N, C-alpha and C. Protein backbone atom coordinates (compact mmCIF):
# COMPACT_ATOMS: atom_id res chain seq x y z
N MET A 1 0.82 -1.19 0.00
CA MET A 1 0.00 0.00 0.00
C MET A 1 0.86 1.25 0.00
N ASP A 2 1.92 1.24 0.80
CA ASP A 2 2.80 2.40 0.89
C ASP A 2 3.45 2.69 -0.46
N SER A 3 3.86 1.67 -1.21
CA SER A 3 4.49 1.88 -2.52
C SER A 3 3.48 2.45 -3.53
N ARG A 4 2.22 2.05 -3.43
CA ARG A 4 1.20 2.60 -4.31
C ARG A 4 1.00 4.09 -4.05
N LEU A 5 1.00 4.45 -2.78
CA LEU A 5 0.86 5.85 -2.39
C LEU A 5 2.03 6.68 -2.93
N ARG A 6 3.24 6.15 -2.84
CA ARG A 6 4.41 6.86 -3.38
C ARG A 6 4.31 7.03 -4.89
N ARG A 7 3.92 5.96 -5.59
CA ARG A 7 3.77 6.06 -7.06
C ARG A 7 2.71 7.09 -7.42
N TRP A 8 1.60 7.09 -6.70
CA TRP A 8 0.54 8.06 -6.94
C TRP A 8 1.04 9.48 -6.70
N ALA A 9 1.79 9.68 -5.62
CA ALA A 9 2.34 11.02 -5.32
C ALA A 9 3.30 11.46 -6.42
N ARG A 10 4.16 10.56 -6.89
CA ARG A 10 5.09 10.89 -7.98
C ARG A 10 4.34 11.24 -9.25
N LYS A 11 3.28 10.47 -9.53
CA LYS A 11 2.49 10.70 -10.73
C LYS A 11 1.84 12.08 -10.68
N ILE A 12 1.27 12.43 -9.55
CA ILE A 12 0.61 13.72 -9.40
C ILE A 12 1.63 14.85 -9.50
N SER A 13 2.75 14.74 -8.80
CA SER A 13 3.75 15.82 -8.83
C SER A 13 4.36 15.94 -10.21
N GLY A 14 4.58 14.84 -10.90
CA GLY A 14 5.14 14.88 -12.25
C GLY A 14 4.20 15.59 -13.21
N SER A 15 2.94 15.28 -13.14
CA SER A 15 1.99 15.92 -14.05
C SER A 15 1.85 17.40 -13.72
N SER A 16 1.95 17.76 -12.46
CA SER A 16 1.88 19.16 -12.05
C SER A 16 3.07 19.93 -12.61
N VAL A 17 4.25 19.34 -12.54
CA VAL A 17 5.45 19.98 -13.07
C VAL A 17 5.32 20.16 -14.58
N GLU A 18 4.86 19.13 -15.27
CA GLU A 18 4.67 19.23 -16.72
C GLU A 18 3.66 20.32 -17.05
N HIS A 19 2.58 20.38 -16.28
CA HIS A 19 1.57 21.41 -16.51
C HIS A 19 2.15 22.80 -16.31
N ASP A 20 2.96 22.99 -15.25
CA ASP A 20 3.59 24.28 -14.98
C ASP A 20 4.52 24.68 -16.12
N ARG A 21 5.30 23.73 -16.64
CA ARG A 21 6.22 24.02 -17.74
C ARG A 21 5.45 24.41 -19.00
N GLU A 22 4.34 23.70 -19.27
CA GLU A 22 3.52 24.04 -20.43
C GLU A 22 2.91 25.43 -20.28
N ALA A 23 2.46 25.76 -19.07
CA ALA A 23 1.88 27.09 -18.82
C ALA A 23 2.93 28.18 -19.02
N LEU A 24 4.16 27.95 -18.56
CA LEU A 24 5.24 28.92 -18.77
C LEU A 24 5.49 29.13 -20.26
N GLN A 25 5.55 28.05 -21.01
CA GLN A 25 5.79 28.15 -22.45
C GLN A 25 4.64 28.90 -23.14
N GLN A 26 3.41 28.63 -22.75
CA GLN A 26 2.27 29.32 -23.35
C GLN A 26 2.31 30.81 -23.05
N ASN A 27 2.69 31.19 -21.81
CA ASN A 27 2.82 32.61 -21.46
C ASN A 27 3.88 33.28 -22.32
N ALA A 28 5.00 32.59 -22.50
CA ALA A 28 6.10 33.15 -23.29
C ALA A 28 5.66 33.36 -24.74
N LEU A 29 5.02 32.36 -25.32
CA LEU A 29 4.59 32.47 -26.72
C LEU A 29 3.50 33.53 -26.88
N ALA A 30 2.59 33.63 -25.91
CA ALA A 30 1.52 34.61 -25.98
C ALA A 30 2.05 36.04 -25.93
N SER A 31 3.20 36.24 -25.28
CA SER A 31 3.78 37.58 -25.18
C SER A 31 4.64 37.92 -26.39
N GLY A 32 4.75 37.01 -27.36
CA GLY A 32 5.56 37.27 -28.54
C GLY A 32 7.03 36.97 -28.36
N SER A 33 7.37 36.26 -27.31
CA SER A 33 8.76 35.94 -27.01
C SER A 33 9.23 34.70 -27.76
N ILE A 34 10.54 34.56 -27.82
CA ILE A 34 11.17 33.37 -28.38
C ILE A 34 11.40 32.40 -27.24
N ARG A 35 11.15 31.12 -27.48
CA ARG A 35 11.43 30.11 -26.45
C ARG A 35 12.93 30.00 -26.25
N VAL A 36 13.37 29.78 -25.02
CA VAL A 36 14.79 29.64 -24.71
C VAL A 36 15.40 28.52 -25.53
N ALA A 37 14.68 27.43 -25.72
CA ALA A 37 15.19 26.29 -26.48
C ALA A 37 15.47 26.64 -27.94
N GLU A 38 14.90 27.74 -28.44
CA GLU A 38 15.07 28.13 -29.84
C GLU A 38 16.04 29.29 -30.03
N LEU A 39 16.70 29.74 -28.96
CA LEU A 39 17.62 30.88 -29.07
C LEU A 39 18.82 30.52 -29.94
N VAL A 40 19.31 31.52 -30.67
CA VAL A 40 20.44 31.35 -31.57
C VAL A 40 21.56 32.28 -31.10
N ASP A 41 22.80 31.78 -31.09
CA ASP A 41 23.96 32.57 -30.67
C ASP A 41 24.08 33.86 -31.48
N ARG A 42 24.36 34.94 -30.79
CA ARG A 42 24.60 36.27 -31.36
C ARG A 42 23.37 36.90 -32.00
N SER A 43 22.20 36.43 -31.63
CA SER A 43 20.98 37.03 -32.18
C SER A 43 20.31 37.89 -31.11
N SER A 44 19.56 38.90 -31.56
CA SER A 44 18.74 39.68 -30.64
C SER A 44 17.48 38.88 -30.35
N ALA A 45 17.03 38.92 -29.11
CA ALA A 45 15.87 38.11 -28.74
C ALA A 45 15.09 38.77 -27.61
N THR A 46 13.85 38.37 -27.52
CA THR A 46 12.97 38.73 -26.42
C THR A 46 12.49 37.43 -25.80
N CYS A 47 12.70 37.27 -24.50
CA CYS A 47 12.30 36.05 -23.79
C CYS A 47 11.50 36.42 -22.55
N THR A 48 10.50 35.60 -22.25
CA THR A 48 9.66 35.80 -21.07
C THR A 48 9.71 34.54 -20.23
N GLY A 49 9.89 34.71 -18.92
CA GLY A 49 9.91 33.56 -18.03
C GLY A 49 9.92 33.99 -16.58
N THR A 50 10.10 33.03 -15.72
CA THR A 50 10.11 33.25 -14.27
C THR A 50 11.52 33.11 -13.74
N ILE A 51 11.92 34.05 -12.90
CA ILE A 51 13.25 33.99 -12.28
C ILE A 51 13.25 32.86 -11.26
N THR A 52 14.21 31.95 -11.39
CA THR A 52 14.30 30.83 -10.45
C THR A 52 15.46 30.99 -9.47
N GLU A 53 16.50 31.71 -9.87
CA GLU A 53 17.67 31.92 -8.99
C GLU A 53 18.27 33.28 -9.26
N VAL A 54 18.82 33.90 -8.21
CA VAL A 54 19.54 35.16 -8.33
C VAL A 54 20.79 35.07 -7.48
N SER A 55 21.92 35.52 -8.05
CA SER A 55 23.17 35.56 -7.28
C SER A 55 24.05 36.68 -7.78
N ALA A 56 24.93 37.17 -6.91
CA ALA A 56 25.93 38.18 -7.28
C ALA A 56 27.29 37.51 -7.20
N GLN A 57 28.11 37.75 -8.23
CA GLN A 57 29.45 37.17 -8.25
C GLN A 57 30.47 38.27 -8.45
N GLN A 58 31.57 38.15 -7.73
CA GLN A 58 32.62 39.14 -7.87
C GLN A 58 33.50 38.79 -9.07
N LEU A 59 33.81 39.80 -9.87
CA LEU A 59 34.68 39.65 -11.03
C LEU A 59 35.93 40.50 -10.77
N GLY A 60 37.02 39.86 -10.41
CA GLY A 60 38.23 40.62 -10.10
C GLY A 60 38.09 41.35 -8.78
N GLU A 61 38.92 42.41 -8.60
CA GLU A 61 38.91 43.14 -7.32
C GLU A 61 37.71 44.05 -7.15
N ASP A 62 37.32 44.75 -8.20
CA ASP A 62 36.28 45.77 -8.07
C ASP A 62 35.00 45.47 -8.83
N GLY A 63 34.99 44.45 -9.65
CA GLY A 63 33.83 44.20 -10.50
C GLY A 63 32.86 43.18 -9.92
N TRP A 64 31.59 43.39 -10.22
CA TRP A 64 30.53 42.46 -9.81
C TRP A 64 29.61 42.20 -10.99
N THR A 65 28.91 41.10 -10.93
CA THR A 65 27.85 40.83 -11.88
C THR A 65 26.67 40.20 -11.13
N LEU A 66 25.48 40.65 -11.49
CA LEU A 66 24.26 40.07 -10.93
C LEU A 66 23.75 39.06 -11.94
N LEU A 67 23.53 37.84 -11.51
CA LEU A 67 23.06 36.76 -12.38
C LEU A 67 21.65 36.35 -11.98
N ALA A 68 20.79 36.19 -12.97
CA ALA A 68 19.42 35.70 -12.73
C ALA A 68 19.11 34.61 -13.74
N ALA A 69 18.66 33.46 -13.25
CA ALA A 69 18.24 32.36 -14.11
C ALA A 69 16.76 32.51 -14.39
N VAL A 70 16.40 32.54 -15.68
CA VAL A 70 15.01 32.72 -16.10
C VAL A 70 14.55 31.46 -16.84
N ASP A 71 13.51 30.84 -16.32
CA ASP A 71 12.97 29.60 -16.90
C ASP A 71 11.68 29.92 -17.64
N ASP A 72 11.60 29.53 -18.92
CA ASP A 72 10.38 29.75 -19.68
C ASP A 72 9.63 28.45 -19.97
N GLY A 73 10.06 27.37 -19.36
CA GLY A 73 9.41 26.08 -19.57
C GLY A 73 10.11 25.23 -20.61
N SER A 74 10.87 25.87 -21.52
CA SER A 74 11.60 25.12 -22.54
C SER A 74 13.09 25.06 -22.23
N GLY A 75 13.55 25.89 -21.30
CA GLY A 75 14.96 25.95 -20.94
C GLY A 75 15.20 27.13 -20.03
N VAL A 76 16.47 27.32 -19.66
CA VAL A 76 16.85 28.39 -18.74
C VAL A 76 17.81 29.34 -19.44
N LEU A 77 17.52 30.63 -19.33
CA LEU A 77 18.34 31.71 -19.86
C LEU A 77 18.96 32.43 -18.67
N THR A 78 20.27 32.69 -18.73
CA THR A 78 20.92 33.45 -17.67
C THR A 78 20.99 34.91 -18.09
N LEU A 79 20.53 35.80 -17.22
CA LEU A 79 20.65 37.24 -17.43
C LEU A 79 21.81 37.71 -16.57
N SER A 80 22.69 38.54 -17.12
CA SER A 80 23.87 39.01 -16.40
C SER A 80 23.97 40.52 -16.52
N TRP A 81 23.88 41.21 -15.38
CA TRP A 81 24.05 42.65 -15.36
C TRP A 81 25.43 42.95 -14.78
N LEU A 82 26.32 43.40 -15.65
CA LEU A 82 27.69 43.69 -15.23
C LEU A 82 27.72 44.96 -14.39
N GLY A 83 28.56 44.94 -13.33
CA GLY A 83 28.70 46.10 -12.46
C GLY A 83 27.59 46.24 -11.44
N ARG A 84 26.78 45.23 -11.26
CA ARG A 84 25.65 45.31 -10.32
C ARG A 84 25.72 44.18 -9.30
N ARG A 85 25.37 44.48 -8.07
CA ARG A 85 25.24 43.45 -7.03
C ARG A 85 23.79 43.09 -6.79
N SER A 86 22.90 44.04 -7.07
CA SER A 86 21.46 43.79 -6.91
C SER A 86 20.69 44.80 -7.76
N ILE A 87 19.46 44.43 -8.07
CA ILE A 87 18.53 45.31 -8.78
C ILE A 87 17.18 45.11 -8.11
N ALA A 88 16.55 46.21 -7.74
CA ALA A 88 15.23 46.13 -7.09
C ALA A 88 14.25 45.38 -7.99
N GLY A 89 13.54 44.42 -7.43
CA GLY A 89 12.53 43.67 -8.17
C GLY A 89 13.05 42.40 -8.82
N ILE A 90 14.36 42.26 -8.94
CA ILE A 90 14.93 41.05 -9.54
C ILE A 90 15.13 40.05 -8.41
N GLU A 91 14.17 39.12 -8.29
CA GLU A 91 14.20 38.13 -7.22
C GLU A 91 13.46 36.87 -7.69
N PRO A 92 13.75 35.73 -7.06
CA PRO A 92 13.08 34.48 -7.45
C PRO A 92 11.56 34.60 -7.37
N GLY A 93 10.89 34.02 -8.38
CA GLY A 93 9.44 34.04 -8.42
C GLY A 93 8.86 35.13 -9.29
N VAL A 94 9.68 36.12 -9.65
CA VAL A 94 9.21 37.24 -10.47
C VAL A 94 9.20 36.82 -11.94
N MET A 95 8.13 37.18 -12.64
CA MET A 95 8.07 36.93 -14.08
C MET A 95 8.49 38.20 -14.79
N LEU A 96 9.32 38.04 -15.83
CA LEU A 96 9.78 39.21 -16.58
C LEU A 96 9.99 38.88 -18.04
N THR A 97 10.09 39.93 -18.83
CA THR A 97 10.45 39.83 -20.24
C THR A 97 11.78 40.53 -20.40
N ALA A 98 12.75 39.86 -21.00
CA ALA A 98 14.08 40.41 -21.20
C ALA A 98 14.35 40.56 -22.69
N HIS A 99 15.01 41.67 -23.04
CA HIS A 99 15.36 41.96 -24.43
C HIS A 99 16.87 42.15 -24.50
N GLY A 100 17.53 41.50 -25.45
CA GLY A 100 18.96 41.69 -25.60
C GLY A 100 19.57 40.73 -26.59
N ARG A 101 20.89 40.77 -26.67
CA ARG A 101 21.63 39.89 -27.57
C ARG A 101 22.04 38.65 -26.80
N VAL A 102 21.86 37.51 -27.41
CA VAL A 102 22.14 36.22 -26.78
C VAL A 102 23.56 35.77 -27.12
N SER A 103 24.27 35.32 -26.11
CA SER A 103 25.58 34.67 -26.29
C SER A 103 25.47 33.29 -25.67
N PHE A 104 26.26 32.37 -26.14
CA PHE A 104 26.30 31.05 -25.53
C PHE A 104 27.64 30.87 -24.84
N LYS A 105 27.60 30.63 -23.54
CA LYS A 105 28.78 30.36 -22.74
C LYS A 105 28.65 28.94 -22.21
N ARG A 106 29.61 28.09 -22.57
CA ARG A 106 29.56 26.67 -22.19
C ARG A 106 28.24 26.03 -22.62
N SER A 107 27.81 26.36 -23.81
CA SER A 107 26.59 25.83 -24.44
C SER A 107 25.30 26.28 -23.76
N LEU A 108 25.37 27.29 -22.90
CA LEU A 108 24.18 27.80 -22.23
C LEU A 108 23.93 29.24 -22.64
N PRO A 109 22.65 29.63 -22.89
CA PRO A 109 22.36 30.99 -23.34
C PRO A 109 22.47 32.02 -22.22
N VAL A 110 23.09 33.16 -22.57
CA VAL A 110 23.28 34.27 -21.63
C VAL A 110 22.94 35.57 -22.35
N MET A 111 22.29 36.50 -21.63
CA MET A 111 22.09 37.86 -22.11
C MET A 111 22.82 38.79 -21.15
N PHE A 112 23.71 39.62 -21.68
CA PHE A 112 24.43 40.57 -20.85
C PHE A 112 23.72 41.92 -20.89
N ASN A 113 23.54 42.51 -19.72
CA ASN A 113 22.91 43.82 -19.54
C ASN A 113 21.62 43.97 -20.34
N PRO A 114 20.69 43.02 -20.16
CA PRO A 114 19.44 43.09 -20.95
C PRO A 114 18.53 44.21 -20.46
N ARG A 115 17.70 44.71 -21.36
CA ARG A 115 16.57 45.54 -20.94
C ARG A 115 15.53 44.55 -20.42
N TYR A 116 14.74 44.97 -19.48
CA TYR A 116 13.75 44.03 -18.93
C TYR A 116 12.51 44.77 -18.46
N GLU A 117 11.43 44.04 -18.42
CA GLU A 117 10.16 44.54 -17.90
C GLU A 117 9.62 43.48 -16.95
N ILE A 118 9.34 43.88 -15.72
CA ILE A 118 8.74 42.96 -14.77
C ILE A 118 7.24 42.90 -15.07
N ILE A 119 6.74 41.68 -15.15
CA ILE A 119 5.32 41.47 -15.45
C ILE A 119 4.56 41.37 -14.14
N PRO A 120 3.62 42.29 -13.92
CA PRO A 120 2.86 42.24 -12.66
C PRO A 120 2.05 40.95 -12.56
N CYS A 121 1.99 40.41 -11.37
CA CYS A 121 1.25 39.18 -11.12
C CYS A 121 0.05 39.53 -10.26
N SER A 122 -1.12 39.12 -10.66
CA SER A 122 -2.35 39.48 -9.97
C SER A 122 -2.51 38.79 -8.62
N ASP A 123 -1.78 37.67 -8.39
CA ASP A 123 -1.98 36.95 -7.12
C ASP A 123 -0.98 37.33 -6.06
N ARG A 124 -0.21 38.39 -6.25
CA ARG A 124 0.74 38.84 -5.20
C ARG A 124 0.14 39.91 -4.37
């Protein structure tokens, strides 16, 4: 009985995760954004997704960069603001649209110093 309950819990959580990813992708496409999975190196792009992680990293003695991982359901895009340790409103759980040029670092998409718009959420 216990193993059936675990399988049922995994099945429910798996379908919920899939549903969340599909909803993220639909939001991105509805806003006219490009899916992260379809980004091309050195191209200008607009992407919409939810921030999942934020961190500040020191670059050398005086330099900093603020990094934010944005998930749109198809993949994760890293946003990097050079010379910044924090930006008001850039925090996990926030949905935003970012505009900028895409670079690939270690096969992962990155936008440096993107323009961005925070998308207001009605349930906050």
